[in-house]
C-alpha atoms as a PDB file:
ATOM      1  CA  MET A   1      -2.780 -20.070 -14.861  1.00  0.00           C
ATOM      2  CA  PRO A   2      -2.281 -20.282 -11.180  1.00  0.00           C
ATOM      3  CA  ASP A   3      -0.670 -23.343  -9.968  1.00  0.00           C
ATOM      4  CA  HIS A   4      -3.290 -25.464  -8.712  1.00  0.00           C
ATOM      5  CA  SER A   5      -1.101 -27.908  -6.580  1.00  0.00           C
ATOM      6  CA  ALA A   6      -0.454 -24.958  -4.126  1.00  0.00           C
ATOM      7  CA  GLU A   7      -3.171 -24.285  -1.420  1.00  0.00           C
ATOM      8  CA  PRO A   8      -5.092 -21.257  -2.428  1.00  0.00           C
ATOM      9  CA  GLN A   9      -4.915 -18.202  -0.104  1.00  0.00           C
ATOM     10  CA  PHE A  10      -8.009 -16.089   0.468  1.00  0.00           C
ATOM     11  CA  LEU A  11      -7.183 -12.613  -0.264  1.00  0.00           C
ATOM     12  CA  CYS A  12     -10.557 -10.513  -0.278  1.00  0.00           C
ATOM     13  CA  LEU A  13     -14.080 -10.627  -1.571  1.00  0.00           C
ATOM     14  CA  ALA A  14     -14.309  -9.846  -5.357  1.00  0.00           C
ATOM     15  CA  SER A  15     -16.277  -6.697  -4.528  1.00  0.00           C
ATOM     16  CA  ASP A  16     -13.575  -5.391  -2.565  1.00  0.00           C
ATOM     17  CA  LEU A  17     -11.735  -4.655  -5.779  1.00  0.00           C
ATOM     18  CA  ALA A  18     -13.334  -1.903  -7.753  1.00  0.00           C
ATOM     19  CA  GLU A  19     -12.219  -1.417 -11.394  1.00  0.00           C
ATOM     20  CA  THR A  20      -8.873   0.900 -11.247  1.00  0.00           C
ATOM     21  CA  GLY A  21      -9.653   1.401  -7.475  1.00  0.00           C
ATOM     22  CA  ASP A  22      -7.327   1.097  -4.595  1.00  0.00           C
ATOM     23  CA  ALA A  23      -5.356  -2.161  -4.222  1.00  0.00           C
ATOM     24  CA  VAL A  24      -5.635  -4.729  -1.463  1.00  0.00           C
ATOM     25  CA  VAL A  25      -2.265  -4.835  -0.023  1.00  0.00           C
ATOM     26  CA  PHE A  26      -1.342  -8.118   1.632  1.00  0.00           C
ATOM     27  CA  GLU A  27       2.130  -9.695   2.750  1.00  0.00           C
ATOM     28  CA  VAL A  28       4.054 -12.784   1.356  1.00  0.00           C
ATOM     29  CA  ILE A  29       7.298 -14.272   2.282  1.00  0.00           C
ATOM     30  CA  VAL A  30       9.713 -14.065  -0.781  1.00  0.00           C
ATOM     31  CA  PHE A  31      12.433 -17.019  -1.151  1.00  0.00           C
ATOM     32  CA  GLY A  32      15.486 -15.644   0.115  1.00  0.00           C
ATOM     33  CA  VAL A  33      14.263 -12.609   2.079  1.00  0.00           C
ATOM     34  CA  ALA A  34      13.958 -12.779   5.921  1.00  0.00           C
ATOM     35  CA  ARG A  35      10.899 -10.460   6.405  1.00  0.00           C
ATOM     36  CA  PRO A  36       7.497 -10.470   4.962  1.00  0.00           C
ATOM     37  CA  VAL A  37       7.018  -8.327   1.695  1.00  0.00           C
ATOM     38  CA  GLN A  38       4.030  -6.405   0.764  1.00  0.00           C
ATOM     39  CA  ALA A  39       2.244  -7.366  -2.540  1.00  0.00           C
ATOM     40  CA  PHE A  40      -1.021  -5.763  -3.912  1.00  0.00           C
ATOM     41  CA  ALA A  41      -3.938  -6.732  -6.014  1.00  0.00           C
ATOM     42  CA  VAL A  42      -6.121  -4.574  -8.431  1.00  0.00           C
ATOM     43  CA  ARG A  43      -8.918  -4.916 -10.558  1.00  0.00           C
ATOM     44  CA  TYR A  44      -7.918  -3.773 -14.289  1.00  0.00           C
ATOM     45  CA  GLN A  45     -10.201  -4.293 -17.341  1.00  0.00           C
ATOM     46  CA  GLY A  46     -12.207  -6.649 -15.218  1.00  0.00           C
ATOM     47  CA  ARG A  47      -9.402  -8.708 -14.259  1.00  0.00           C
ATOM     48  CA  VAL A  48      -7.741  -8.975 -10.944  1.00  0.00           C
ATOM     49  CA  VAL A  49      -3.908  -8.892 -11.113  1.00  0.00           C
ATOM     50  CA  ALA A  50      -1.393  -9.034  -8.288  1.00  0.00           C
ATOM     51  CA  TYR A  51       2.419  -8.057  -7.964  1.00  0.00           C
ATOM     52  CA  LEU A  52       5.105  -7.825  -5.504  1.00  0.00           C
ATOM     53  CA  ASN A  53       4.867  -4.237  -4.026  1.00  0.00           C
ATOM     54  CA  GLN A  54       8.626  -3.476  -5.523  1.00  0.00           C
ATOM     55  CA  CYS A  55       9.985  -1.254  -8.200  1.00  0.00           C
ATOM     56  CA  ALA A  56      11.760  -3.197 -10.643  1.00  0.00           C
ATOM     57  CA  HIS A  57      14.519  -0.245 -10.455  1.00  0.00           C
ATOM     58  CA  VAL A  58      15.243  -0.401  -7.025  1.00  0.00           C
ATOM     59  CA  PRO A  59      13.311  -2.881  -4.649  1.00  0.00           C
ATOM     60  CA  THR A  60      11.251  -0.101  -2.854  1.00  0.00           C
ATOM     61  CA  GLU A  61       7.371  -0.068  -1.978  1.00  0.00           C
ATOM     62  CA  MET A  62       5.650   1.648  -4.975  1.00  0.00           C
ATOM     63  CA  ASP A  63       2.449   3.051  -3.472  1.00  0.00           C
ATOM     64  CA  TRP A  64       2.514   6.701  -2.592  1.00  0.00           C
ATOM     65  CA  GLN A  65      -0.153   5.977   0.079  1.00  0.00           C
ATOM     66  CA  PRO A  66      -1.163   2.442   1.235  1.00  0.00           C
ATOM     67  CA  GLY A  67      -3.183   0.737  -1.620  1.00  0.00           C
ATOM     68  CA  LYS A  68      -2.583   4.010  -3.974  1.00  0.00           C
ATOM     69  CA  PHE A  69      -0.736   2.733  -7.216  1.00  0.00           C
ATOM     70  CA  TRP A  70      -2.438   4.334 -10.124  1.00  0.00           C
ATOM     71  CA  ASP A  71      -1.175   7.276 -12.073  1.00  0.00           C
ATOM     72  CA  MET A  72      -3.605  10.563 -12.646  1.00  0.00           C
ATOM     73  CA  ASP A  73      -5.365   8.940 -15.555  1.00  0.00           C
ATOM     74  CA  ARG A  74      -5.591   5.486 -13.738  1.00  0.00           C
ATOM     75  CA  ARG A  75      -3.861   3.724 -16.701  1.00  0.00           C
ATOM     76  CA  PHE A  76      -0.636   2.580 -15.143  1.00  0.00           C
ATOM     77  CA  PHE A  77       0.602   1.675 -11.830  1.00  0.00           C
ATOM     78  CA  ILE A  78       3.218   4.473 -10.981  1.00  0.00           C
ATOM     79  CA  CYS A  79       6.245   4.302  -8.510  1.00  0.00           C
ATOM     80  CA  SER A  80       6.124   6.927  -6.132  1.00  0.00           C
ATOM     81  CA  ILE A  81       9.982   7.080  -5.526  1.00  0.00           C
ATOM     82  CA  HIS A  82      11.206   6.859  -9.300  1.00  0.00           C
ATOM     83  CA  GLY A  83       8.079   7.586 -11.375  1.00  0.00           C
ATOM     84  CA  ALA A  84       8.236   4.460 -13.364  1.00  0.00           C
ATOM     85  CA  LEU A  85       4.973   3.488 -15.038  1.00  0.00           C
ATOM     86  CA  TYR A  86       3.877  -0.240 -15.118  1.00  0.00           C
ATOM     87  CA  ASP A  87       1.335  -1.680 -17.506  1.00  0.00           C
ATOM     88  CA  PRO A  88      -1.141  -3.232 -15.119  1.00  0.00           C
ATOM     89  CA  PRO A  89      -2.072  -6.592 -17.303  1.00  0.00           C
ATOM     90  CA  ASN A  90       1.651  -7.712 -17.381  1.00  0.00           C
ATOM     91  CA  GLY A  91       3.524  -5.692 -14.977  1.00  0.00           C
ATOM     92  CA  LEU A  92       5.880  -4.203 -17.781  1.00  0.00           C
ATOM     93  CA  CYS A  93       7.713  -1.120 -17.073  1.00  0.00           C
ATOM     94  CA  VAL A  94       6.794   1.264 -20.035  1.00  0.00           C
ATOM     95  CA  SER A  95       8.579   4.504 -18.973  1.00  0.00           C
ATOM     96  CA  GLY A  96      10.958   5.332 -16.258  1.00  0.00           C
ATOM     97  CA  PRO A  97      14.637   4.025 -15.246  1.00  0.00           C
ATOM     98  CA  CYS A  98      13.661   0.424 -15.491  1.00  0.00           C
ATOM     99  CA  ARG A  99      11.932   0.576 -19.044  1.00  0.00           C
ATOM    100  CA  GLY A 100      11.395  -2.967 -20.280  1.00  0.00           C
ATOM    101  CA  ALA A 101      11.677  -4.614 -16.992  1.00  0.00           C
ATOM    102  CA  HIS A 102       8.626  -6.356 -15.149  1.00  0.00           C
ATOM    103  CA  LEU A 103       7.107  -6.312 -11.721  1.00  0.00           C
ATOM    104  CA  GLN A 104       6.887  -9.593 -10.009  1.00  0.00           C
ATOM    105  CA  LYS A 105       3.712 -11.406 -10.680  1.00  0.00           C
ATOM    106  CA  ILE A 106       1.640 -13.259  -8.150  1.00  0.00           C
ATOM    107  CA  ALA A 107      -0.832 -15.784  -9.272  1.00  0.00           C
ATOM    108  CA  VAL A 108      -4.540 -14.887  -8.389  1.00  0.00           C
ATOM    109  CA  GLN A 109      -7.919 -16.109  -9.231  1.00  0.00           C
ATOM    110  CA  GLU A 110     -11.404 -15.027  -8.761  1.00  0.00           C
ATOM    111  CA  ILE A 111     -13.665 -17.976  -7.682  1.00  0.00           C
ATOM    112  CA  ASP A 112     -17.268 -17.659  -6.726  1.00  0.00           C
ATOM    113  CA  GLN A 113     -17.020 -13.852  -5.761  1.00  0.00           C
ATOM    114  CA  LYS A 114     -13.701 -14.246  -3.864  1.00  0.00           C
ATOM    115  CA  VAL A 115     -10.304 -13.823  -4.745  1.00  0.00           C
ATOM    116  CA  TYR A 116      -7.321 -16.097  -4.025  1.00  0.00           C
ATOM    117  CA  TRP A 117      -3.691 -15.804  -4.418  1.00  0.00           C
ATOM    118  CA  TYR A 118      -1.419 -18.887  -5.189  1.00  0.00           C
ATOM    119  CA  PRO A 119       1.719 -19.483  -3.523  1.00  0.00           C
ATOM    120  CA  SER A 120       4.625 -20.643  -5.422  1.00  0.00           C
ATOM    121  CA  GLU A 121       8.400 -21.239  -5.063  1.00  0.00           C
ATOM    122  CA  GLN A 122       9.153 -17.808  -4.948  1.00  0.00           C
ATOM    123  CA  PHE A 123       6.062 -16.641  -2.592  1.00  0.00           C
ATOM    124  CA  GLN A 124       4.854 -18.153   0.411  1.00  0.00           C
ATOM    125  CA  PRO A 125       2.165 -17.215   2.858  1.00  0.00           C
ATOM    126  CA  VAL A 126       2.813 -15.467   6.158  1.00  0.00           C
ATOM    127  CA  PHE A 127       1.714 -17.475   9.093  1.00  0.00           C
END
């Protein structure tokens, strides 16, 4: 559940996220990192999930083209660099060099046909 003490950040319209479609990519400030870092949101099994766009093996962006994270079957996210496969609902690496590790989850919520993400101690908006 999102931290409702944080000011929600508008991300996109709910209709912008088709089931297992392209991701909406956005930037966040990560605690301890000097520059903005990409994050992404997708719809999987009717729910919106969001993660930092960094492979758990080596912190490189995973999409093989902007917003394209799915494997050929659109069942897992795939790291274009290492081939690691991640389970969309929980970000768990199920195959590859970082098996058992997780993507860094970002809290999101769908309200009135809009999608919002919630800042935390770790993730802040870019202003």
